[in-house]
Structure formats: C-alpha cells, structure tokens
N, C-alpha and C. Protein backbone atom coordinates (compact mmCIF):
# COMPACT_ATOMS: atom_id res chain seq x y z
N MET A 1 34.45 80.04 126.26
CA MET A 1 33.27 80.29 125.20
C MET A 1 33.29 78.76 124.47
N PRO A 2 31.87 78.04 124.87
CA PRO A 2 31.81 77.19 123.68
C PRO A 2 31.41 77.13 122.98
N MET A 3 31.27 76.29 122.13
CA MET A 3 31.31 76.41 120.21
C MET A 3 29.98 75.42 120.19
N GLY A 4 28.92 76.03 119.10
CA GLY A 4 27.83 75.02 119.02
C GLY A 4 28.24 74.52 118.06
N VAL A 5 26.92 73.69 117.49
CA VAL A 5 27.22 72.74 116.45
C VAL A 5 27.25 73.24 115.42
N SER A 6 26.72 74.07 115.02
CA SER A 6 26.69 75.00 113.74
C SER A 6 28.67 75.66 113.72
N GLY A 7 28.90 76.12 114.75
CA GLY A 7 30.46 75.89 114.32
C GLY A 7 31.36 75.12 114.27
N TRP A 8 30.87 73.81 114.96
CA TRP A 8 32.01 72.73 114.47
C TRP A 8 31.53 72.51 112.81
N ALA A 9 30.19 72.25 112.50
CA ALA A 9 29.74 72.19 111.38
C ALA A 9 30.61 73.08 110.14
N VAL A 10 30.70 74.52 110.67
CA VAL A 10 31.52 75.69 109.99
C VAL A 10 33.20 75.05 109.37
N TRP A 11 33.55 74.59 111.16
CA TRP A 11 34.67 74.37 111.39
C TRP A 11 35.27 72.78 110.31
N THR A 12 34.37 72.35 110.72
CA THR A 12 34.40 70.75 109.24
C THR A 12 34.51 71.28 108.17
N VAL A 13 33.53 72.10 107.17
CA VAL A 13 33.44 72.01 106.07
C VAL A 13 34.78 72.68 105.32
N CYS A 14 35.03 74.00 106.03
CA CYS A 14 36.73 74.71 106.23
C CYS A 14 37.75 73.20 106.00
N ALA A 15 37.96 72.96 107.04
CA ALA A 15 39.21 71.96 106.98
C ALA A 15 38.55 70.95 105.86
N LEU A 16 37.63 70.42 105.27
CA LEU A 16 37.22 69.39 104.37
C LEU A 16 37.91 70.62 102.71
N ASN A 17 37.52 71.72 103.08
CA ASN A 17 37.55 72.60 101.74
C ASN A 17 39.25 72.43 101.34
N GLY A 18 40.14 72.77 102.98
CA GLY A 18 41.27 73.09 102.59
C GLY A 18 42.12 71.46 102.14
N LEU A 19 41.25 70.30 102.41
CA LEU A 19 41.51 69.26 102.07
C LEU A 19 41.74 68.97 100.77
N LEU A 20 40.79 69.21 99.90
CA LEU A 20 40.70 69.57 98.61
C LEU A 20 41.23 70.26 97.71
N PHE A 21 41.97 71.39 98.36
CA PHE A 21 42.89 72.41 97.63
C PHE A 21 43.97 71.29 98.00
N LEU A 22 44.50 70.85 99.00
CA LEU A 22 45.73 70.35 99.06
C LEU A 22 45.56 69.07 98.11
N ALA A 23 44.50 68.20 97.73
CA ALA A 23 44.53 67.29 97.03
C ALA A 23 44.80 67.89 95.81
N LEU A 24 43.95 68.84 95.56
CA LEU A 24 44.47 69.03 93.92
C LEU A 24 45.48 69.76 93.51
N ILE A 25 46.29 70.89 94.81
CA ILE A 25 47.71 71.38 94.36
C ILE A 25 48.29 70.01 94.26
N ALA A 26 48.49 68.93 94.80
CA ALA A 26 49.01 67.06 94.46
C ALA A 26 48.59 66.41 93.46
N LEU A 27 47.52 67.09 93.03
CA LEU A 27 47.16 66.25 91.42
C LEU A 27 47.59 67.39 90.26
N ILE A 28 48.72 68.46 90.66
CA ILE A 28 48.66 69.35 89.30
C ILE A 28 50.05 68.63 88.51
N PRO A 29 50.78 67.97 89.52
CA PRO A 29 52.08 67.53 88.38
C PRO A 29 51.50 66.13 87.50
N ILE A 30 50.59 65.81 88.05
CA ILE A 30 49.86 64.32 87.32
C ILE A 30 48.79 64.69 86.22
N ILE A 31 48.23 66.10 86.27
CA ILE A 31 47.24 66.87 85.11
C ILE A 31 48.37 67.05 83.84
N LEU A 32 49.43 68.10 84.57
CA LEU A 32 50.57 68.38 83.78
C LEU A 32 51.48 67.12 82.94
N SER A 33 51.38 65.91 83.65
CA SER A 33 51.94 64.82 82.72
C SER A 33 51.13 64.48 81.34
N LEU A 34 49.86 64.33 81.99
CA LEU A 34 48.65 63.84 81.08
C LEU A 34 48.49 64.83 80.12
N ARG A 35 48.75 65.78 80.52
CA ARG A 35 48.44 66.98 79.30
C ARG A 35 49.52 66.92 78.28
N SER A 36 50.99 66.65 78.81
CA SER A 36 52.08 66.54 78.03
C SER A 36 51.89 64.44 77.00
N ALA A 37 51.32 63.59 78.01
CA ALA A 37 51.09 62.72 77.24
C ALA A 37 50.11 62.66 76.33
N LEU A 38 49.02 63.27 76.50
CA LEU A 38 47.88 64.00 75.30
C LEU A 38 48.84 64.40 74.39
N GLY A 39 49.14 65.68 74.16
CA GLY A 39 49.99 66.12 73.39
C GLY A 39 50.86 65.05 72.11
N VAL A 40 51.69 64.44 73.33
CA VAL A 40 52.56 62.96 72.20
C VAL A 40 51.53 62.41 71.66
N THR A 41 50.51 61.94 72.43
CA THR A 41 49.53 60.98 71.72
C THR A 41 49.34 61.79 70.16
N GLU A 42 48.62 63.04 70.16
CA GLU A 42 48.23 63.93 69.55
C GLU A 42 48.89 63.64 68.19
N ARG A 43 50.34 64.23 68.34
CA ARG A 43 51.31 64.21 67.82
C ARG A 43 51.36 62.86 67.01
N ALA A 44 51.64 61.57 67.58
CA ALA A 44 51.78 60.29 67.34
C ALA A 44 50.92 60.18 66.22
N MET A 45 49.63 60.53 66.53
CA MET A 45 48.42 60.17 65.84
C MET A 45 48.31 60.85 64.36
N ALA A 46 48.95 62.39 64.45
CA ALA A 46 48.97 63.12 63.66
C ALA A 46 50.00 62.40 62.45
N ASP A 47 51.03 61.53 62.69
CA ASP A 47 52.12 60.88 62.25
C ASP A 47 51.51 60.04 60.96
N TRP A 48 50.70 59.07 61.92
CA TRP A 48 50.08 57.75 61.54
C TRP A 48 49.32 58.51 60.94
N ARG A 49 48.43 59.44 60.52
CA ARG A 49 47.68 59.72 59.66
C ARG A 49 48.73 60.00 58.39
N GLU A 50 49.49 60.53 58.72
CA GLU A 50 49.92 61.21 57.19
C GLU A 50 50.63 60.41 56.82
N ALA A 51 51.36 59.40 57.38
CA ALA A 51 51.87 58.24 57.07
C ALA A 51 50.76 56.71 56.45
N ALA A 52 49.68 57.21 56.77
CA ALA A 52 48.48 56.00 56.25
C ALA A 52 47.89 56.82 54.65
N GLN A 53 47.98 58.11 54.78
CA GLN A 53 47.56 58.70 53.76
C GLN A 53 48.88 58.60 52.47
N GLN A 54 49.87 58.92 53.17
CA GLN A 54 51.17 58.35 51.74
C GLN A 54 50.91 56.94 51.46
N ALA A 55 50.95 56.13 52.41
CA ALA A 55 50.73 54.54 51.98
C ALA A 55 49.44 54.11 51.14
N LEU A 56 48.44 54.66 51.20
CA LEU A 56 47.63 54.75 50.65
C LEU A 56 47.38 55.37 49.19
N ALA A 57 47.68 56.38 49.45
CA ALA A 57 47.92 57.33 47.68
C ALA A 57 48.37 56.79 46.75
N PRO A 58 47.70 56.27 45.99
CA PRO A 58 48.16 55.75 44.28
C PRO A 58 49.17 56.14 43.93
N THR A 59 50.03 55.50 43.23
CA THR A 59 51.49 55.61 43.08
C THR A 59 50.93 56.11 41.14
N PRO A 60 51.77 57.04 40.35
CA PRO A 60 51.22 57.24 38.98
C PRO A 60 51.28 56.13 38.28
N ALA A 61 51.83 55.25 38.49
CA ALA A 61 51.80 53.70 37.43
C ALA A 61 50.43 53.24 38.21
N GLU A 62 49.87 53.42 38.81
CA GLU A 62 48.36 53.08 39.43
C GLU A 62 47.63 53.77 38.53
N LEU A 63 47.86 55.26 38.99
CA LEU A 63 46.98 56.19 38.52
C LEU A 63 46.78 56.02 36.41
N LEU A 64 48.08 55.38 36.09
CA LEU A 64 48.07 54.93 34.63
C LEU A 64 47.36 53.79 34.36
N ARG A 65 47.64 52.92 34.92
CA ARG A 65 47.11 51.33 35.10
C ARG A 65 45.61 51.58 35.33
N LEU A 66 44.68 52.66 35.99
CA LEU A 66 43.62 52.74 36.19
C LEU A 66 43.12 53.39 35.05
N ARG A 67 43.57 54.49 34.55
CA ARG A 67 43.09 55.34 33.32
C ARG A 67 43.40 54.45 31.98
N ASP A 68 43.68 53.66 31.99
CA ASP A 68 44.18 52.55 30.80
C ASP A 68 42.83 51.57 31.02
N ARG A 69 42.46 51.35 32.23
CA ARG A 69 41.16 50.31 32.15
C ARG A 69 40.09 50.70 32.47
N LEU A 70 40.05 52.33 32.71
CA LEU A 70 39.05 53.08 32.43
C LEU A 70 38.49 53.18 30.55
N ARG A 71 39.64 53.58 30.04
CA ARG A 71 39.59 54.13 28.69
C ARG A 71 39.04 52.14 27.88
N GLU A 72 39.90 51.03 28.30
CA GLU A 72 39.02 49.75 27.95
C GLU A 72 37.93 49.50 28.56
N SER A 73 37.32 49.80 29.25
CA SER A 73 35.75 49.95 29.78
C SER A 73 34.94 50.77 28.76
N ARG A 74 35.40 52.02 28.65
CA ARG A 74 34.72 52.36 27.67
C ARG A 74 34.67 52.33 26.24
N ARG A 75 35.62 51.25 25.84
CA ARG A 75 35.64 51.37 24.61
C ARG A 75 34.46 49.74 24.79
N THR A 76 34.81 49.06 25.44
CA THR A 76 33.64 47.98 25.61
C THR A 76 32.64 48.19 25.69
N LEU A 77 32.46 49.07 26.47
CA LEU A 77 30.97 49.81 26.85
C LEU A 77 30.15 50.27 25.29
N ASP A 78 31.15 51.14 24.34
CA ASP A 78 30.29 51.73 23.30
C ASP A 78 30.30 50.75 22.33
N ARG A 79 31.26 49.32 22.23
CA ARG A 79 30.77 48.50 21.74
C ARG A 79 29.91 47.44 21.68
N TRP A 80 29.06 47.64 23.31
CA TRP A 80 27.85 46.67 23.58
C TRP A 80 26.80 47.65 23.07
N GLN A 81 26.99 49.15 23.50
CA GLN A 81 26.12 50.01 22.81
C GLN A 81 26.07 49.98 21.86
N ARG A 82 26.67 49.56 20.49
CA ARG A 82 26.40 49.85 19.02
C ARG A 82 25.93 48.46 18.70
N ARG A 83 26.16 47.40 19.45
CA ARG A 83 25.32 45.83 19.15
C ARG A 83 23.92 45.82 19.44
N LEU A 84 23.78 46.64 20.93
CA LEU A 84 22.16 46.58 20.83
C LEU A 84 21.70 47.98 20.25
N GLN A 85 22.14 48.66 20.13
CA GLN A 85 21.19 49.54 18.66
C GLN A 85 21.25 48.64 17.26
N PHE A 86 22.19 48.03 16.95
CA PHE A 86 22.03 47.08 15.63
C PHE A 86 20.84 45.97 16.17
N TRP A 87 20.37 45.25 16.83
CA TRP A 87 20.20 44.44 17.41
C TRP A 87 18.24 45.16 17.74
N GLN A 88 18.34 46.25 18.21
CA GLN A 88 17.15 46.89 18.36
C GLN A 88 17.15 47.13 16.85
N GLY A 89 17.46 47.58 16.12
CA GLY A 89 17.24 48.44 14.51
C GLY A 89 16.68 47.13 13.85
N ILE A 90 17.39 45.62 14.34
CA ILE A 90 16.67 44.58 13.47
C ILE A 90 15.35 44.69 13.94
N ARG A 91 15.36 44.16 15.28
CA ARG A 91 14.13 44.23 15.93
C ARG A 91 12.74 45.11 15.57
N ARG A 92 13.14 46.47 15.48
CA ARG A 92 12.06 47.13 14.59
C ARG A 92 12.02 46.69 13.19
N VAL A 93 12.69 46.35 12.10
CA VAL A 93 12.56 46.02 11.07
C VAL A 93 11.52 45.03 11.01
N ALA A 94 11.76 44.01 12.35
CA ALA A 94 10.72 42.72 12.23
C ALA A 94 9.80 43.08 12.68
N VAL A 95 9.54 43.95 13.46
CA VAL A 95 7.78 44.39 14.04
C VAL A 95 7.37 45.15 12.64
N TRP A 96 8.20 46.43 11.93
CA TRP A 96 7.62 46.66 11.19
C TRP A 96 6.70 45.66 9.63
N LEU A 97 7.83 45.01 9.47
CA LEU A 97 7.96 43.67 8.69
C LEU A 97 6.29 42.90 8.89
N ARG A 98 6.31 42.49 10.29
CA ARG A 98 5.40 41.69 10.56
C ARG A 98 3.67 42.57 10.32
N ARG A 99 3.98 43.80 10.92
CA ARG A 99 2.84 44.73 10.60
C ARG A 99 2.19 44.93 9.33
N ARG A 100 3.71 44.66 8.25
CA ARG A 100 2.98 44.89 6.76
C ARG A 100 2.67 44.05 6.26
N LEU A 101 3.09 42.49 6.65
CA LEU A 101 2.94 41.27 5.83
C LEU A 101 1.36 40.86 6.55
C-alpha cells in the first residue's frame, strides 16, 4: 500500500515530536541541577543580605555619638535663632526710631 505525501508528513511530525520528547527527558537532570543551583544562590544571597545588614547597622556607641551630635546641633541652632531674634529686635527699634525722628 503506497503512502502519500500527507502520510510521510504525519510520520515525520510524529518522529520529530518523539525526538523533542527524548530531548526534554535528557534535559531533566540539567534542569533539576539548575534548580538546586538556584536554591543555593538564593540562600547565599540571603546570607550576604543578612551579613550586610548587620555590618551596616549602627552600633550603640555610634547611636550615642549621633544623639550627642544632634543635641549639640540643636543647641547651636537655638543659639543662632536667639541671636537672629536679638538683631531683628534691634532692627525694628531702629526702624521705629527712624520713623519717629
């Protein structure tokens, strides 16, 4: 019984599908190893992230120094605000005297 062109095409497509299936089966170990490598990489990145957070976290001594610097900055700012208010008061008095005289 002679096979037509469409019969060969069907067998060719089936053969190619079979080859693709065998290739996928052959790739399963590689895919699984890539999956485990991805898991190892993910754990390593989590470890690095935790180490970096601990390394970058300020120590209690640094926090105390920052608090002291903030207090000193606040004192300096208050001092300059009082000076500014003093000179603004003097300017107001000068303007008031200029208008009166």
